[in-house]
Structures are given as C-alpha cells and as structure tokens.
Protein backbone atom coordinates (compact mmCIF):
# COMPACT_ATOMS: atom_id res chain seq x y z
CA UNK A 1 77.23 -45.49 49.53
CA UNK A 2 74.99 -48.44 48.79
CA UNK A 3 76.36 -52.00 48.90
CA UNK A 4 74.22 -54.93 47.82
CA UNK A 5 74.98 -58.41 49.11
CA UNK A 6 74.79 -60.71 46.10
CA UNK A 7 75.74 -64.06 47.70
CA UNK A 8 76.18 -65.60 51.14
CA UNK A 9 77.67 -69.08 51.50
CA UNK A 10 77.38 -71.55 54.38
CA UNK A 11 81.04 -71.05 55.30
CA UNK A 12 80.54 -67.32 55.87
CA UNK A 13 81.84 -65.93 52.57
CA UNK A 14 79.89 -62.87 51.43
CA UNK A 15 79.98 -61.33 47.96
CA UNK A 16 78.83 -57.75 47.51
CA UNK A 17 78.60 -55.18 44.75
CA UNK A 18 78.71 -51.40 44.92
CA UNK A 19 75.45 -49.97 43.60
CA UNK A 20 75.97 -46.31 44.41
CA UNK A 21 79.00 -44.30 45.47
CA UNK A 22 82.71 -44.96 45.26
CA UNK A 23 84.56 -47.62 47.22
CA UNK A 24 88.32 -48.14 46.96
CA UNK A 25 90.67 -50.88 48.10
CA UNK A 26 93.77 -50.11 50.17
CA UNK A 27 95.76 -49.48 46.97
CA UNK A 28 93.27 -46.80 45.91
CA UNK A 29 91.72 -48.86 43.12
CA UNK A 30 87.95 -48.70 42.54
CA UNK A 31 86.03 -51.69 43.89
CA UNK A 32 82.85 -52.65 42.03
CA UNK A 33 82.44 -56.10 43.58
CA UNK A 34 84.35 -58.02 46.20
CA UNK A 35 84.30 -61.02 48.52
CA UNK A 36 84.58 -60.89 52.31
CA UNK A 37 85.66 -64.02 54.17
CA UNK A 38 84.35 -64.82 57.66
CA UNK A 39 86.72 -63.58 60.36
CA UNK A 40 88.95 -61.55 58.03
CA UNK A 41 88.57 -57.77 58.28
CA UNK A 42 88.30 -56.11 54.86
CA UNK A 43 89.62 -52.54 54.71
CA UNK A 44 88.23 -50.07 52.19
CA UNK A 45 88.47 -46.36 51.58
CA UNK A 46 85.73 -43.88 50.82
CA UNK A 47 86.15 -40.40 49.40
CA UNK A 48 86.12 -38.99 52.93
CA UNK A 49 87.27 -41.82 55.19
CA UNK A 50 87.80 -45.49 55.80
CA UNK A 51 85.38 -48.38 56.30
CA UNK A 52 86.03 -51.84 57.70
CA UNK A 53 83.75 -54.77 56.88
CA UNK A 54 83.83 -58.12 58.63
CA UNK A 55 81.63 -61.21 58.59
CA UNK A 56 81.53 -62.41 62.19
CA UNK A 57 79.03 -65.26 61.90
CA UNK A 58 77.73 -67.71 59.35
CA UNK A 59 74.65 -68.63 61.36
CA UNK A 60 71.38 -68.31 59.46
CA UNK A 61 68.53 -66.79 61.42
C-alpha cells in the first residue's frame, strides 16, 4: 500500500491519494482519495486487515 499526501492545510486537514494497493472505507467501498481531519481517527480496511489514520498535530517543523 502506498499513500501519497497531496495537501496539508494549516488547520491540520490532510488530503491523500492511494497510489498502489487497495484501500476501503468502513462500508467496503474503494477509496482512491480522502481527507483526514486533525483529531478525528479515520478507519479504513485493507485486503487483510484494518488501518487507522489520525492527524495529531498541525505544527510545521
């Protein structure tokens, strides 16, 4: 699975796209691109498991 971050905003919102592999939302639908909001856990499914993504900081370093 390869995810590419395509945008990061100052408020901690991250947009990503799936470049390789299959990622599914909780309903089982294919996800090609999605947005993750700071502090909100995003749940996804893989062919062989589950993955959780969360943005925990919007601090630029």
